[in-house]
C-alpha atoms as a PDB file:
ATOM      1  CA  MET A   1     189.252 -22.965 -62.207  1.00  0.00           C
ATOM      2  CA  ARG A   2     192.259 -25.185 -61.992  1.00  0.00           C
ATOM      3  CA  ARG A   3     193.333 -25.999 -58.635  1.00  0.00           C
ATOM      4  CA  LEU A   4     196.927 -26.579 -57.259  1.00  0.00           C
ATOM      5  CA  PRO A   5     196.757 -29.871 -54.914  1.00  0.00           C
ATOM      6  CA  VAL A   6     199.117 -29.652 -51.951  1.00  0.00           C
ATOM      7  CA  TYR A   7     199.258 -32.666 -48.978  1.00  0.00           C
ATOM      8  CA  VAL A   8     201.268 -31.568 -46.473  1.00  0.00           C
ATOM      9  CA  LEU A   9     202.025 -34.793 -44.317  1.00  0.00           C
ATOM     10  CA  ILE A  10     203.371 -34.434 -40.992  1.00  0.00           C
ATOM     11  CA  ASP A  11     204.911 -36.871 -38.333  1.00  0.00           C
ATOM     12  CA  THR A  12     203.340 -36.537 -34.980  1.00  0.00           C
ATOM     13  CA  SER A  13     205.137 -39.643 -33.349  1.00  0.00           C
ATOM     14  CA  GLY A  14     206.185 -39.529 -29.880  1.00  0.00           C
ATOM     15  CA  SER A  15     209.882 -38.458 -30.650  1.00  0.00           C
ATOM     16  CA  MET A  16     208.417 -34.949 -31.372  1.00  0.00           C
ATOM     17  CA  TYR A  17     207.070 -34.362 -28.408  1.00  0.00           C
ATOM     18  CA  GLY A  18     207.842 -30.973 -26.619  1.00  0.00           C
ATOM     19  CA  GLU A  19     209.781 -28.069 -28.361  1.00  0.00           C
ATOM     20  CA  PRO A  20     209.711 -30.137 -31.964  1.00  0.00           C
ATOM     21  CA  ILE A  21     205.501 -30.427 -31.950  1.00  0.00           C
ATOM     22  CA  GLN A  22     205.393 -27.124 -30.464  1.00  0.00           C
ATOM     23  CA  ALA A  23     207.463 -25.522 -33.213  1.00  0.00           C
ATOM     24  CA  VAL A  24     205.364 -27.463 -35.830  1.00  0.00           C
ATOM     25  CA  ASP A  25     202.476 -25.982 -34.494  1.00  0.00           C
ATOM     26  CA  THR A  26     203.814 -22.310 -34.914  1.00  0.00           C
ATOM     27  CA  GLY A  27     205.107 -23.408 -38.101  1.00  0.00           C
ATOM     28  CA  PHE A  28     201.774 -24.614 -39.868  1.00  0.00           C
ATOM     29  CA  LYS A  29     200.712 -21.409 -38.526  1.00  0.00           C
ATOM     30  CA  VAL A  30     203.305 -19.473 -40.457  1.00  0.00           C
ATOM     31  CA  LEU A  31     202.548 -21.471 -43.471  1.00  0.00           C
ATOM     32  CA  ILE A  32     199.120 -20.818 -43.643  1.00  0.00           C
ATOM     33  CA  SER A  33     199.467 -17.136 -42.995  1.00  0.00           C
ATOM     34  CA  ALA A  34     201.936 -16.693 -45.835  1.00  0.00           C
ATOM     35  CA  LEU A  35     199.689 -18.185 -48.249  1.00  0.00           C
ATOM     36  CA  LYS A  36     196.885 -15.867 -47.355  1.00  0.00           C
ATOM     37  CA  ARG A  37     198.957 -12.996 -48.161  1.00  0.00           C
ATOM     38  CA  GLU A  38     199.807 -14.208 -51.616  1.00  0.00           C
ATOM     39  CA  PRO A  39     196.901 -13.488 -54.504  1.00  0.00           C
ATOM     40  CA  GLN A  40     198.104 -16.465 -56.883  1.00  0.00           C
ATOM     41  CA  ALA A  41     197.931 -18.937 -53.956  1.00  0.00           C
ATOM     42  CA  MET A  42     194.870 -17.412 -52.764  1.00  0.00           C
ATOM     43  CA  GLU A  43     193.076 -18.423 -55.732  1.00  0.00           C
ATOM     44  CA  ILE A  44     194.573 -21.542 -57.054  1.00  0.00           C
ATOM     45  CA  VAL A  45     196.187 -23.468 -54.064  1.00  0.00           C
ATOM     46  CA  TYR A  46     194.027 -26.063 -52.448  1.00  0.00           C
ATOM     47  CA  LEU A  47     195.962 -27.713 -49.191  1.00  0.00           C
ATOM     48  CA  SER A  48     195.184 -30.831 -47.072  1.00  0.00           C
ATOM     49  CA  LEU A  49     196.990 -31.551 -43.777  1.00  0.00           C
ATOM     50  CA  ILE A  50     197.545 -35.632 -42.869  1.00  0.00           C
ATOM     51  CA  THR A  51     199.247 -36.342 -39.604  1.00  0.00           C
ATOM     52  CA  PHE A  52     200.760 -39.787 -38.560  1.00  0.00           C
ATOM     53  CA  ASP A  53     201.702 -41.752 -35.369  1.00  0.00           C
ATOM     54  CA  ASN A  54     200.039 -44.884 -34.172  1.00  0.00           C
ATOM     55  CA  GLN A  55     197.222 -43.500 -36.745  1.00  0.00           C
ATOM     56  CA  VAL A  56     197.157 -41.755 -39.828  1.00  0.00           C
ATOM     57  CA  LYS A  57     194.684 -38.857 -39.913  1.00  0.00           C
ATOM     58  CA  GLN A  58     193.605 -36.764 -42.742  1.00  0.00           C
ATOM     59  CA  VAL A  59     192.703 -33.626 -40.486  1.00  0.00           C
ATOM     60  CA  PHE A  60     191.075 -31.758 -43.456  1.00  0.00           C
ATOM     61  CA  PRO A  61     190.828 -32.652 -47.418  1.00  0.00           C
ATOM     62  CA  LEU A  62     191.636 -30.303 -49.869  1.00  0.00           C
ATOM     63  CA  THR A  63     190.812 -27.163 -48.748  1.00  0.00           C
ATOM     64  CA  GLU A  64     191.165 -23.263 -50.313  1.00  0.00           C
ATOM     65  CA  VAL A  65     193.609 -21.426 -48.555  1.00  0.00           C
ATOM     66  CA  SER A  66     191.053 -18.663 -47.203  1.00  0.00           C
ATOM     67  CA  SER A  67     189.196 -21.488 -45.506  1.00  0.00           C
ATOM     68  CA  ILE A  68     191.728 -23.392 -43.453  1.00  0.00           C
ATOM     69  CA  GLN A  69     191.191 -22.524 -39.733  1.00  0.00           C
ATOM     70  CA  ASN A  70     194.152 -23.024 -37.046  1.00  0.00           C
ATOM     71  CA  VAL A  71     194.744 -26.847 -36.070  1.00  0.00           C
ATOM     72  CA  THR A  72     196.717 -27.954 -32.621  1.00  0.00           C
ATOM     73  CA  PHE A  73     199.224 -30.880 -33.229  1.00  0.00           C
ATOM     74  CA  THR A  74     200.125 -33.514 -30.427  1.00  0.00           C
ATOM     75  CA  ALA A  75     202.357 -35.770 -30.432  1.00  0.00           C
ATOM     76  CA  ASN A  76     202.488 -39.488 -29.135  1.00  0.00           C
ATOM     77  CA  GLY A  77     202.718 -43.089 -30.455  1.00  0.00           C
ATOM     78  CA  GLY A  78     204.831 -44.652 -33.432  1.00  0.00           C
ATOM     79  CA  THR A  79     205.195 -43.379 -36.992  1.00  0.00           C
ATOM     80  CA  SER A  80     202.685 -45.280 -39.318  1.00  0.00           C
ATOM     81  CA  LEU A  81     204.480 -43.545 -42.431  1.00  0.00           C
ATOM     82  CA  GLY A  82     203.388 -46.484 -44.860  1.00  0.00           C
ATOM     83  CA  GLY A  83     199.940 -45.721 -43.800  1.00  0.00           C
ATOM     84  CA  ALA A  84     200.686 -41.854 -44.409  1.00  0.00           C
ATOM     85  CA  LEU A  85     201.108 -42.677 -48.075  1.00  0.00           C
ATOM     86  CA  GLU A  86     198.436 -45.018 -48.837  1.00  0.00           C
ATOM     87  CA  GLN A  87     196.075 -42.155 -47.347  1.00  0.00           C
ATOM     88  CA  VAL A  88     197.528 -39.259 -49.276  1.00  0.00           C
ATOM     89  CA  THR A  89     197.168 -41.692 -52.841  1.00  0.00           C
ATOM     90  CA  ASN A  90     193.823 -42.399 -51.341  1.00  0.00           C
ATOM     91  CA  SER A  91     192.485 -38.753 -50.789  1.00  0.00           C
ATOM     92  CA  ALA A  92     194.434 -37.791 -53.984  1.00  0.00           C
ATOM     93  CA  GLN A  93     192.330 -40.318 -56.084  1.00  0.00           C
ATOM     94  CA  LYS A  94     189.222 -39.253 -54.737  1.00  0.00           C
ATOM     95  CA  GLU A  95     189.883 -35.377 -54.470  1.00  0.00           C
ATOM     96  CA  VAL A  96     192.107 -34.376 -57.413  1.00  0.00           C
ATOM     97  CA  VAL A  97     190.201 -33.524 -60.377  1.00  0.00           C
ATOM     98  CA  LYS A  98     191.262 -35.482 -63.781  1.00  0.00           C
ATOM     99  CA  ASN A  99     191.413 -34.171 -67.470  1.00  0.00           C
ATOM    100  CA  THR A 100     188.531 -34.960 -69.543  1.00  0.00           C
ATOM    101  CA  PRO A 101     188.316 -34.904 -73.000  1.00  0.00           C
ATOM    102  CA  ASN A 102     186.444 -31.605 -72.751  1.00  0.00           C
ATOM    103  CA  ALA A 103     188.018 -29.661 -69.841  1.00  0.00           C
ATOM    104  CA  LYS A 104     191.458 -29.581 -68.176  1.00  0.00           C
ATOM    105  CA  GLY A 105     191.297 -30.893 -64.457  1.00  0.00           C
ATOM    106  CA  ASP A 106     193.438 -29.886 -61.450  1.00  0.00           C
ATOM    107  CA  TYR A 107     197.132 -29.324 -61.994  1.00  0.00           C
ATOM    108  CA  LYS A 108     199.352 -32.216 -60.832  1.00  0.00           C
ATOM    109  CA  PRO A 109     199.492 -32.796 -56.703  1.00  0.00           C
ATOM    110  CA  LEU A 110     202.309 -32.082 -54.588  1.00  0.00           C
ATOM    111  CA  VAL A 111     203.510 -33.627 -51.562  1.00  0.00           C
ATOM    112  CA  PHE A 112     205.546 -32.265 -48.681  1.00  0.00           C
ATOM    113  CA  ILE A 113     206.359 -34.983 -46.248  1.00  0.00           C
ATOM    114  CA  PHE A 114     208.234 -34.249 -42.574  1.00  0.00           C
ATOM    115  CA  SER A 115     209.596 -37.143 -40.675  1.00  0.00           C
ATOM    116  CA  ASP A 116     211.962 -37.312 -37.522  1.00  0.00           C
ATOM    117  CA  GLY A 117     212.270 -40.932 -37.138  1.00  0.00           C
ATOM    118  CA  ALA A 118     211.517 -44.228 -38.886  1.00  0.00           C
ATOM    119  CA  ALA A 119     208.672 -45.940 -39.792  1.00  0.00           C
ATOM    120  CA  THR A 120     207.011 -48.480 -37.529  1.00  0.00           C
ATOM    121  CA  ASP A 121     204.501 -49.900 -40.174  1.00  0.00           C
ATOM    122  CA  ASN A 122     205.028 -51.771 -43.299  1.00  0.00           C
ATOM    123  CA  VAL A 123     206.104 -48.751 -45.431  1.00  0.00           C
ATOM    124  CA  GLU A 124     207.551 -51.169 -48.150  1.00  0.00           C
ATOM    125  CA  GLU A 125     204.073 -52.708 -48.891  1.00  0.00           C
ATOM    126  CA  LYS A 126     202.333 -49.298 -49.058  1.00  0.00           C
ATOM    127  CA  MET A 127     205.404 -47.419 -51.839  1.00  0.00           C
ATOM    128  CA  PRO A 128     204.831 -48.955 -54.959  1.00  0.00           C
ATOM    129  CA  THR A 129     201.026 -47.562 -55.026  1.00  0.00           C
ATOM    130  CA  PHE A 130     202.421 -44.190 -53.854  1.00  0.00           C
ATOM    131  CA  THR A 131     205.161 -43.891 -56.517  1.00  0.00           C
ATOM    132  CA  SER A 132     203.090 -45.130 -58.987  1.00  0.00           C
ATOM    133  CA  TYR A 133     200.724 -42.166 -58.851  1.00  0.00           C
ATOM    134  CA  ASN A 134     201.201 -39.117 -61.024  1.00  0.00           C
ATOM    135  CA  TRP A 135     202.665 -36.410 -58.794  1.00  0.00           C
ATOM    136  CA  GLY A 136     204.047 -32.973 -59.623  1.00  0.00           C
ATOM    137  CA  MET A 137     206.636 -33.602 -57.069  1.00  0.00           C
ATOM    138  CA  VAL A 138     207.534 -35.237 -53.882  1.00  0.00           C
ATOM    139  CA  VAL A 139     209.569 -33.486 -51.263  1.00  0.00           C
ATOM    140  CA  ALA A 140     210.772 -35.547 -48.036  1.00  0.00           C
ATOM    141  CA  CYS A 141     212.302 -33.922 -44.794  1.00  0.00           C
ATOM    142  CA  ALA A 142     214.297 -35.702 -42.994  1.00  0.00           C
ATOM    143  CA  ALA A 143     214.453 -33.917 -39.510  1.00  0.00           C
ATOM    144  CA  GLY A 144     217.011 -34.689 -37.025  1.00  0.00           C
ATOM    145  CA  SER A 145     220.023 -37.265 -36.823  1.00  0.00           C
ATOM    146  CA  ASN A 146     217.253 -40.466 -36.215  1.00  0.00           C
ATOM    147  CA  ALA A 147     215.240 -39.827 -39.307  1.00  0.00           C
ATOM    148  CA  ASP A 148     215.533 -42.663 -42.060  1.00  0.00           C
ATOM    149  CA  THR A 149     217.101 -41.105 -44.894  1.00  0.00           C
ATOM    150  CA  ARG A 150     216.758 -44.401 -46.990  1.00  0.00           C
ATOM    151  CA  THR A 151     213.429 -44.384 -47.036  1.00  0.00           C
ATOM    152  CA  LEU A 152     212.959 -40.904 -47.618  1.00  0.00           C
ATOM    153  CA  GLU A 153     214.994 -41.339 -50.678  1.00  0.00           C
ATOM    154  CA  LYS A 154     212.698 -44.584 -51.849  1.00  0.00           C
ATOM    155  CA  ILE A 155     209.798 -42.454 -51.371  1.00  0.00           C
ATOM    156  CA  ALA A 156     210.875 -38.884 -52.931  1.00  0.00           C
ATOM    157  CA  GLY A 157     213.795 -39.789 -55.296  1.00  0.00           C
ATOM    158  CA  PRO A 158     216.478 -36.554 -55.014  1.00  0.00           C
ATOM    159  CA  ASN A 159     214.267 -34.574 -53.546  1.00  0.00           C
ATOM    160  CA  VAL A 160     215.326 -35.218 -49.708  1.00  0.00           C
ATOM    161  CA  LEU A 161     215.885 -32.444 -47.604  1.00  0.00           C
ATOM    162  CA  VAL A 162     217.656 -32.655 -43.911  1.00  0.00           C
ATOM    163  CA  LEU A 163     217.923 -30.692 -41.030  1.00  0.00           C
ATOM    164  CA  ASP A 164     220.610 -31.350 -38.305  1.00  0.00           C
ATOM    165  CA  THR A 165     218.176 -30.412 -35.604  1.00  0.00           C
ATOM    166  CA  ILE A 166     214.776 -30.028 -34.598  1.00  0.00           C
ATOM    167  CA  ASP A 167     214.783 -27.260 -32.223  1.00  0.00           C
ATOM    168  CA  SER A 168     211.963 -24.569 -32.757  1.00  0.00           C
ATOM    169  CA  ALA A 169     214.397 -22.183 -35.084  1.00  0.00           C
ATOM    170  CA  THR A 170     214.907 -24.865 -37.401  1.00  0.00           C
ATOM    171  CA  ILE A 171     211.642 -26.058 -37.873  1.00  0.00           C
ATOM    172  CA  THR A 172     210.153 -22.551 -38.395  1.00  0.00           C
ATOM    173  CA  SER A 173     212.864 -22.048 -41.058  1.00  0.00           C
ATOM    174  CA  TYR A 174     211.100 -25.382 -43.159  1.00  0.00           C
ATOM    175  CA  PHE A 175     207.863 -24.244 -42.756  1.00  0.00           C
ATOM    176  CA  LYS A 176     208.767 -20.730 -44.237  1.00  0.00           C
ATOM    177  CA  TYR A 177     210.767 -22.537 -47.114  1.00  0.00           C
ATOM    178  CA  LEU A 178     207.642 -24.694 -47.765  1.00  0.00           C
ATOM    179  CA  SER A 179     205.195 -21.420 -47.924  1.00  0.00           C
ATOM    180  CA  ALA A 180     207.610 -19.728 -50.353  1.00  0.00           C
ATOM    181  CA  SER A 181     207.894 -23.208 -52.565  1.00  0.00           C
ATOM    182  CA  ILE A 182     204.295 -23.156 -52.329  1.00  0.00           C
ATOM    183  CA  VAL A 183     204.088 -19.725 -53.411  1.00  0.00           C
ATOM    184  CA  THR A 184     206.206 -20.242 -56.689  1.00  0.00           C
ATOM    185  CA  THR A 185     205.040 -23.031 -57.693  1.00  0.00           C
ATOM    186  CA  SER A 186     201.512 -21.465 -57.520  1.00  0.00           C
ATOM    187  CA  LYS A 187     203.090 -18.697 -59.971  1.00  0.00           C
ATOM    188  CA  LYS A 188     204.826 -21.120 -62.499  1.00  0.00           C
ATOM    189  CA  VAL A 189     203.889 -21.222 -66.069  1.00  0.00           C
ATOM    190  CA  ASP A 190     205.553 -24.471 -66.343  1.00  0.00           C
ATOM    191  CA  LEU A 191     203.235 -26.780 -64.189  1.00  0.00           C
ATOM    192  CA  GLU A 192     202.293 -29.117 -66.897  1.00  0.00           C
ATOM    193  CA  LYS A 193     205.961 -30.515 -66.838  1.00  0.00           C
ATOM    194  CA  ALA A 194     206.122 -34.245 -65.924  1.00  0.00           C
ATOM    195  CA  LYS A 195     208.217 -33.959 -62.831  1.00  0.00           C
ATOM    196  CA  MET A 196     208.902 -30.489 -61.316  1.00  0.00           C
ATOM    197  CA  GLU A 197     212.366 -30.308 -59.487  1.00  0.00           C
ATOM    198  CA  LEU A 198     213.606 -28.597 -56.841  1.00  0.00           C
ATOM    199  CA  ASP A 199     215.800 -26.321 -58.433  1.00  0.00           C
ATOM    200  CA  GLY A 200     212.895 -24.666 -59.513  1.00  0.00           C
ATOM    201  CA  LEU A 201     211.982 -23.984 -56.043  1.00  0.00           C
ATOM    202  CA  PRO A 202     213.588 -21.032 -53.812  1.00  0.00           C
ATOM    203  CA  PRO A 203     217.096 -21.841 -52.305  1.00  0.00           C
ATOM    204  CA  LEU A 204     217.759 -23.509 -49.550  1.00  0.00           C
ATOM    205  CA  PRO A 205     217.963 -21.344 -46.162  1.00  0.00           C
ATOM    206  CA  PRO A 206     221.153 -22.346 -44.261  1.00  0.00           C
ATOM    207  CA  GLU A 207     219.453 -24.606 -41.516  1.00  0.00           C
ATOM    208  CA  ILE A 208     218.601 -26.729 -44.115  1.00  0.00           C
ATOM    209  CA  THR A 209     220.789 -29.159 -46.564  1.00  0.00           C
ATOM    210  CA  LEU A 210     219.805 -31.272 -49.968  1.00  0.00           C
ATOM    211  CA  LEU A 211     220.367 -35.337 -48.719  1.00  0.00           C
ATOM    212  CA  LYS A 212     223.971 -35.997 -50.668  1.00  0.00           C
ATOM    213  CA  HIS A 213     224.012 -38.912 -52.764  1.00  0.00           C
END
């Protein structure tokens, strides 16, 4: 069976301390619960979680939705966004099954990045390797007024979402949108397209806007 790999990258730096990280904790549970209610997602979606602060951690590799357990998030330190890009690229190179002359591999991976600040490592150095990988779609979410939208735009192109605030309701809304986007993608018949676009995903809720260019 062909899998739909989904990598979720979440900023757990110190600026997320308090209500924001608690909202991420709740939101991620909402995401997994929603996926577990969808038969198609349960069948083909394999999800990996990567967190980044002073350190980058792949909390779990690509895992079938039914096997994902509860995760508790904590916030501290800086924002190793460059390291997170390196980690997700390395993980995808190891975990995503490639096409062979005799069989189709996995579908192209989706990447969803959530960050509320500016990178504290050398993100520019890691970007070329990340952007050269054959992703199906990369979506970045700039959470709050301190998020570095310019860097996220270099990473995700036109697919940069903006949260004006990082309170509990707004972050929960983002994770609901994320779950709906993954479910919608899992049901599509055009996963073979070179690049998927945001207009093929569910409409944005009021709390989320598309970065203006």
